[in-house]
């Protein structure tokens, strides 16, 4: 599993993978839970926490994309059928795109609601509209909510595929992403 630069991915790749992965999982779970909370000042504060972490995960996702562009993607850990390789590429592309579109749609949703975007009180993007922009808000909200469902399904498939690699294919994919597999070692 060498990258384009010819060396094994290390702590940066693993850190970005798990940081974005756990961040997205946590935000999706928190977002689904937020839908059950009654409106009011408490919910507004919780939404602000969700948005703050969303911006942080977005920055991590951008760093992960930049790292992948620089380092390339790892080669498969074992021989696989052509359909499996194509499916893996499609799933990974979707995961990368969705982890970028999720926060972008959330940011647009906030701006369309005539609110600024801040991270734990620190301004990031000022308020752009004086009043709620209904069309942009509906588009951003539908995209954000739809991506939450699609990303949940894709993450479940991603985890299932990693377990399949480990238990059925018996290749080093899962051990590699857990940081337990290196060249020449099982």
C-alpha atoms as a PDB file:
ATOM      1  CA  UNK A   1       0.000   0.000   0.000  1.00  0.00           C
ATOM      2  CA  UNK A   2       2.376   2.661  -1.146  1.00  0.00           C
ATOM      3  CA  UNK A   3       1.240   6.128  -2.035  1.00  0.00           C
ATOM      4  CA  UNK A   4       2.357   8.048  -5.087  1.00  0.00           C
ATOM      5  CA  UNK A   5       5.297   9.435  -3.102  1.00  0.00           C
ATOM      6  CA  UNK A   6       6.486   5.851  -2.607  1.00  0.00           C
ATOM      7  CA  UNK A   7       6.109   5.490   1.149  1.00  0.00           C
ATOM      8  CA  UNK A   8       3.524   4.043   3.465  1.00  0.00           C
ATOM      9  CA  UNK A   9       0.872   6.425   4.723  1.00  0.00           C
ATOM     10  CA  UNK A  10       1.516   7.342   8.282  1.00  0.00           C
ATOM     11  CA  UNK A  11       0.105   9.304  11.128  1.00  0.00           C
ATOM     12  CA  UNK A  12      -1.117  12.231   9.028  1.00  0.00           C
ATOM     13  CA  UNK A  13      -3.208   9.990   6.754  1.00  0.00           C
ATOM     14  CA  UNK A  14      -4.566   7.993   9.663  1.00  0.00           C
ATOM     15  CA  UNK A  15      -5.214  11.082  11.773  1.00  0.00           C
ATOM     16  CA  UNK A  16      -7.099  12.834   9.007  1.00  0.00           C
ATOM     17  CA  UNK A  17      -9.087   9.694   8.143  1.00  0.00           C
ATOM     18  CA  UNK A  18     -10.192   9.066  11.715  1.00  0.00           C
ATOM     19  CA  UNK A  19     -10.609  12.750  12.586  1.00  0.00           C
ATOM     20  CA  UNK A  20     -12.921  13.361   9.652  1.00  0.00           C
ATOM     21  CA  UNK A  21     -14.636   9.980  10.089  1.00  0.00           C
ATOM     22  CA  UNK A  22     -15.434  10.361  13.776  1.00  0.00           C
ATOM     23  CA  UNK A  23     -16.232  14.043  13.290  1.00  0.00           C
ATOM     24  CA  UNK A  24     -18.762  13.282  10.548  1.00  0.00           C
ATOM     25  CA  UNK A  25     -20.292  10.410  12.528  1.00  0.00           C
ATOM     26  CA  UNK A  26     -20.632  12.571  15.610  1.00  0.00           C
ATOM     27  CA  UNK A  27     -22.123  15.480  13.690  1.00  0.00           C
ATOM     28  CA  UNK A  28     -24.631  13.260  11.897  1.00  0.00           C
ATOM     29  CA  UNK A  29     -25.734  11.671  15.177  1.00  0.00           C
ATOM     30  CA  UNK A  30     -25.920  15.085  16.869  1.00  0.00           C
ATOM     31  CA  UNK A  31     -27.834  16.503  13.901  1.00  0.00           C
ATOM     32  CA  UNK A  32     -30.397  13.690  13.969  1.00  0.00           C
ATOM     33  CA  UNK A  33     -30.799  14.202  17.718  1.00  0.00           C
ATOM     34  CA  UNK A  34     -31.190  17.973  17.217  1.00  0.00           C
ATOM     35  CA  UNK A  35     -34.270  17.308  15.100  1.00  0.00           C
ATOM     36  CA  UNK A  36     -35.978  15.950  18.240  1.00  0.00           C
ATOM     37  CA  UNK A  37     -35.184  18.995  20.412  1.00  0.00           C
ATOM     38  CA  UNK A  38     -37.901  21.612  20.834  1.00  0.00           C
ATOM     39  CA  UNK A  39     -37.159  25.085  19.500  1.00  0.00           C
ATOM     40  CA  UNK A  40     -35.958  27.866  21.747  1.00  0.00           C
ATOM     41  CA  UNK A  41     -32.741  29.315  23.175  1.00  0.00           C
ATOM     42  CA  UNK A  42     -31.433  25.915  24.293  1.00  0.00           C
ATOM     43  CA  UNK A  43     -31.819  24.480  20.795  1.00  0.00           C
ATOM     44  CA  UNK A  44     -30.221  27.593  19.287  1.00  0.00           C
ATOM     45  CA  UNK A  45     -27.163  27.058  21.511  1.00  0.00           C
ATOM     46  CA  UNK A  46     -26.998  23.377  20.523  1.00  0.00           C
ATOM     47  CA  UNK A  47     -27.256  24.267  16.828  1.00  0.00           C
ATOM     48  CA  UNK A  48     -24.354  26.688  17.290  1.00  0.00           C
ATOM     49  CA  UNK A  49     -22.256  23.868  18.792  1.00  0.00           C
ATOM     50  CA  UNK A  50     -23.181  21.670  15.817  1.00  0.00           C
ATOM     51  CA  UNK A  51     -22.180  24.431  13.379  1.00  0.00           C
ATOM     52  CA  UNK A  52     -18.898  25.108  15.187  1.00  0.00           C
ATOM     53  CA  UNK A  53     -17.830  21.483  15.061  1.00  0.00           C
ATOM     54  CA  UNK A  54     -19.079  21.304  11.464  1.00  0.00           C
ATOM     55  CA  UNK A  55     -16.697  24.087  10.417  1.00  0.00           C
ATOM     56  CA  UNK A  56     -13.821  22.342  12.220  1.00  0.00           C
ATOM     57  CA  UNK A  57     -14.573  19.031  10.477  1.00  0.00           C
ATOM     58  CA  UNK A  58     -14.811  20.921   7.177  1.00  0.00           C
ATOM     59  CA  UNK A  59     -11.282  22.254   7.670  1.00  0.00           C
ATOM     60  CA  UNK A  60     -10.087  18.711   8.459  1.00  0.00           C
ATOM     61  CA  UNK A  61     -11.878  17.394   5.358  1.00  0.00           C
ATOM     62  CA  UNK A  62     -10.179  20.045   3.204  1.00  0.00           C
ATOM     63  CA  UNK A  63      -6.822  19.080   4.720  1.00  0.00           C
ATOM     64  CA  UNK A  64      -7.580  15.425   3.988  1.00  0.00           C
ATOM     65  CA  UNK A  65      -8.352  16.196   0.341  1.00  0.00           C
ATOM     66  CA  UNK A  66      -5.160  18.246   0.023  1.00  0.00           C
ATOM     67  CA  UNK A  67      -3.181  15.403   1.594  1.00  0.00           C
ATOM     68  CA  UNK A  68      -4.708  12.847  -0.797  1.00  0.00           C
ATOM     69  CA  UNK A  69      -3.947  15.071  -3.801  1.00  0.00           C
ATOM     70  CA  UNK A  70      -0.348  15.324  -2.609  1.00  0.00           C
ATOM     71  CA  UNK A  71       0.161  11.691  -1.581  1.00  0.00           C
ATOM     72  CA  UNK A  72      -2.258   9.837  -3.841  1.00  0.00           C
ATOM     73  CA  UNK A  73      -4.542   7.014  -2.822  1.00  0.00           C
ATOM     74  CA  UNK A  74      -3.191   3.749  -1.475  1.00  0.00           C
ATOM     75  CA  UNK A  75      -3.180   0.681  -3.677  1.00  0.00           C
ATOM     76  CA  UNK A  76      -5.608  -2.101  -2.761  1.00  0.00           C
ATOM     77  CA  UNK A  77      -4.367  -4.383   0.014  1.00  0.00           C
ATOM     78  CA  UNK A  78      -5.137  -7.476  -2.022  1.00  0.00           C
ATOM     79  CA  UNK A  79      -6.334  -8.707  -5.400  1.00  0.00           C
ATOM     80  CA  UNK A  80      -9.945  -7.828  -6.067  1.00  0.00           C
ATOM     81  CA  UNK A  81     -12.369  -8.165  -8.946  1.00  0.00           C
ATOM     82  CA  UNK A  82     -12.721  -5.194 -11.274  1.00  0.00           C
ATOM     83  CA  UNK A  83     -16.251  -4.454 -10.004  1.00  0.00           C
ATOM     84  CA  UNK A  84     -14.931  -4.321  -6.417  1.00  0.00           C
ATOM     85  CA  UNK A  85     -12.197  -1.856  -7.376  1.00  0.00           C
ATOM     86  CA  UNK A  86     -14.681   0.343  -9.271  1.00  0.00           C
ATOM     87  CA  UNK A  87     -17.154   0.171  -6.387  1.00  0.00           C
ATOM     88  CA  UNK A  88     -14.459   1.094  -3.864  1.00  0.00           C
ATOM     89  CA  UNK A  89     -13.388   4.081  -5.957  1.00  0.00           C
ATOM     90  CA  UNK A  90     -16.994   5.252  -6.371  1.00  0.00           C
ATOM     91  CA  UNK A  91     -17.672   4.911  -2.637  1.00  0.00           C
ATOM     92  CA  UNK A  92     -14.490   6.759  -1.678  1.00  0.00           C
ATOM     93  CA  UNK A  93     -15.208   9.568  -4.158  1.00  0.00           C
ATOM     94  CA  UNK A  94     -18.731   9.894  -2.751  1.00  0.00           C
ATOM     95  CA  UNK A  95     -17.421   9.965   0.839  1.00  0.00           C
ATOM     96  CA  UNK A  96     -14.878  12.674   0.010  1.00  0.00           C
ATOM     97  CA  UNK A  97     -17.385  14.799  -1.936  1.00  0.00           C
ATOM     98  CA  UNK A  98     -20.088  14.362   0.709  1.00  0.00           C
ATOM     99  CA  UNK A  99     -17.740  15.304   3.562  1.00  0.00           C
ATOM    100  CA  UNK A 100     -17.144  18.578   1.715  1.00  0.00           C
ATOM    101  CA  UNK A 101     -20.727  19.213   0.584  1.00  0.00           C
ATOM    102  CA  UNK A 102     -22.197  18.526   4.037  1.00  0.00           C
ATOM    103  CA  UNK A 103     -20.525  21.494   5.750  1.00  0.00           C
ATOM    104  CA  UNK A 104     -20.844  23.709   2.663  1.00  0.00           C
ATOM    105  CA  UNK A 105     -24.602  23.102   2.624  1.00  0.00           C
ATOM    106  CA  UNK A 106     -24.728  23.730   6.384  1.00  0.00           C
ATOM    107  CA  UNK A 107     -22.866  27.014   5.972  1.00  0.00           C
ATOM    108  CA  UNK A 108     -25.185  28.040   3.138  1.00  0.00           C
ATOM    109  CA  UNK A 109     -28.172  27.038   5.261  1.00  0.00           C
ATOM    110  CA  UNK A 110     -26.985  29.291   8.077  1.00  0.00           C
ATOM    111  CA  UNK A 111     -26.213  32.214   5.772  1.00  0.00           C
ATOM    112  CA  UNK A 112     -29.568  31.848   3.985  1.00  0.00           C
ATOM    113  CA  UNK A 113     -31.264  31.999   7.392  1.00  0.00           C
ATOM    114  CA  UNK A 114     -29.667  35.472   7.707  1.00  0.00           C
ATOM    115  CA  UNK A 115     -27.167  34.369  10.323  1.00  0.00           C
ATOM    116  CA  UNK A 116     -23.383  34.656  10.407  1.00  0.00           C
ATOM    117  CA  UNK A 117     -21.148  31.617  10.726  1.00  0.00           C
ATOM    118  CA  UNK A 118     -18.908  31.446  13.761  1.00  0.00           C
ATOM    119  CA  UNK A 119     -16.833  28.817  15.498  1.00  0.00           C
ATOM    120  CA  UNK A 120     -17.466  28.892  19.237  1.00  0.00           C
ATOM    121  CA  UNK A 121     -18.160  32.622  19.043  1.00  0.00           C
ATOM    122  CA  UNK A 122     -15.261  33.510  16.726  1.00  0.00           C
ATOM    123  CA  UNK A 123     -16.629  35.022  13.487  1.00  0.00           C
ATOM    124  CA  UNK A 124     -15.795  33.105  10.309  1.00  0.00           C
ATOM    125  CA  UNK A 125     -18.329  34.385   7.744  1.00  0.00           C
ATOM    126  CA  UNK A 126     -20.434  37.502   8.336  1.00  0.00           C
ATOM    127  CA  UNK A 127     -24.195  37.591   7.878  1.00  0.00           C
ATOM    128  CA  UNK A 128     -24.863  38.064   4.156  1.00  0.00           C
ATOM    129  CA  UNK A 129     -28.635  38.590   4.087  1.00  0.00           C
ATOM    130  CA  UNK A 130     -30.806  40.948   6.138  1.00  0.00           C
ATOM    131  CA  UNK A 131     -33.727  38.513   6.010  1.00  0.00           C
ATOM    132  CA  UNK A 132     -34.117  34.797   5.427  1.00  0.00           C
ATOM    133  CA  UNK A 133     -33.548  33.887   1.767  1.00  0.00           C
ATOM    134  CA  UNK A 134     -36.287  31.266   1.379  1.00  0.00           C
ATOM    135  CA  UNK A 135     -35.137  29.627  -1.873  1.00  0.00           C
ATOM    136  CA  UNK A 136     -31.480  29.317  -0.896  1.00  0.00           C
ATOM    137  CA  UNK A 137     -32.464  28.142   2.571  1.00  0.00           C
ATOM    138  CA  UNK A 138     -34.749  25.408   1.183  1.00  0.00           C
ATOM    139  CA  UNK A 139     -32.073  24.254  -1.275  1.00  0.00           C
ATOM    140  CA  UNK A 140     -29.324  24.192   1.369  1.00  0.00           C
ATOM    141  CA  UNK A 141     -31.543  22.564   4.008  1.00  0.00           C
ATOM    142  CA  UNK A 142     -32.720  19.824   1.620  1.00  0.00           C
ATOM    143  CA  UNK A 143     -29.162  19.147   0.473  1.00  0.00           C
ATOM    144  CA  UNK A 144     -27.848  19.082   4.055  1.00  0.00           C
ATOM    145  CA  UNK A 145     -30.601  16.775   5.299  1.00  0.00           C
ATOM    146  CA  UNK A 146     -30.417  14.512   2.230  1.00  0.00           C
ATOM    147  CA  UNK A 147     -26.652  14.240   2.518  1.00  0.00           C
ATOM    148  CA  UNK A 148     -27.009  13.252   6.170  1.00  0.00           C
ATOM    149  CA  UNK A 149     -29.067  10.235   5.120  1.00  0.00           C
ATOM    150  CA  UNK A 150     -26.904   9.355   2.101  1.00  0.00           C
ATOM    151  CA  UNK A 151     -23.680   9.790   4.064  1.00  0.00           C
ATOM    152  CA  UNK A 152     -25.028   7.601   6.867  1.00  0.00           C
ATOM    153  CA  UNK A 153     -25.725   4.818   4.365  1.00  0.00           C
ATOM    154  CA  UNK A 154     -22.340   5.279   2.668  1.00  0.00           C
ATOM    155  CA  UNK A 155     -20.497   5.163   6.004  1.00  0.00           C
ATOM    156  CA  UNK A 156     -22.329   1.949   6.931  1.00  0.00           C
ATOM    157  CA  UNK A 157     -21.306   0.468   3.569  1.00  0.00           C
ATOM    158  CA  UNK A 158     -17.717   1.680   4.094  1.00  0.00           C
ATOM    159  CA  UNK A 159     -17.489   0.012   7.516  1.00  0.00           C
ATOM    160  CA  UNK A 160     -19.145  -3.130   6.153  1.00  0.00           C
ATOM    161  CA  UNK A 161     -16.642  -3.283   3.300  1.00  0.00           C
ATOM    162  CA  UNK A 162     -13.724  -2.900   5.716  1.00  0.00           C
ATOM    163  CA  UNK A 163     -15.090  -5.794   7.804  1.00  0.00           C
ATOM    164  CA  UNK A 164     -15.577  -7.859   4.636  1.00  0.00           C
ATOM    165  CA  UNK A 165     -11.955  -7.217   3.696  1.00  0.00           C
ATOM    166  CA  UNK A 166     -10.869  -8.418   7.118  1.00  0.00           C
ATOM    167  CA  UNK A 167     -13.138 -11.429   7.689  1.00  0.00           C
ATOM    168  CA  UNK A 168     -13.844 -12.667   4.144  1.00  0.00           C
ATOM    169  CA  UNK A 169     -10.940 -11.498   1.956  1.00  0.00           C
ATOM    170  CA  UNK A 170      -8.448 -11.710   4.810  1.00  0.00           C
ATOM    171  CA  UNK A 171      -6.349  -8.904   3.373  1.00  0.00           C
ATOM    172  CA  UNK A 172      -4.671  -6.101   5.291  1.00  0.00           C
ATOM    173  CA  UNK A 173      -7.171  -3.328   4.561  1.00  0.00           C
ATOM    174  CA  UNK A 174      -8.699  -3.050   8.031  1.00  0.00           C
ATOM    175  CA  UNK A 175      -5.387  -3.486   9.863  1.00  0.00           C
ATOM    176  CA  UNK A 176      -3.834  -0.839   7.628  1.00  0.00           C
ATOM    177  CA  UNK A 177      -6.502   1.760   8.391  1.00  0.00           C
ATOM    178  CA  UNK A 178      -6.256   0.942  12.084  1.00  0.00           C
ATOM    179  CA  UNK A 179      -2.532   1.697  11.839  1.00  0.00           C
ATOM    180  CA  UNK A 180      -1.591  -1.901  12.704  1.00  0.00           C
ATOM    181  CA  UNK A 181      -0.258  -3.065   9.323  1.00  0.00           C
ATOM    182  CA  UNK A 182       3.049  -2.150   7.741  1.00  0.00           C
ATOM    183  CA  UNK A 183       4.941  -3.459   4.737  1.00  0.00           C
ATOM    184  CA  UNK A 184       6.370  -6.892   5.441  1.00  0.00           C
ATOM    185  CA  UNK A 185       4.184  -7.429   8.517  1.00  0.00           C
ATOM    186  CA  UNK A 186       0.858  -9.246   8.722  1.00  0.00           C
END
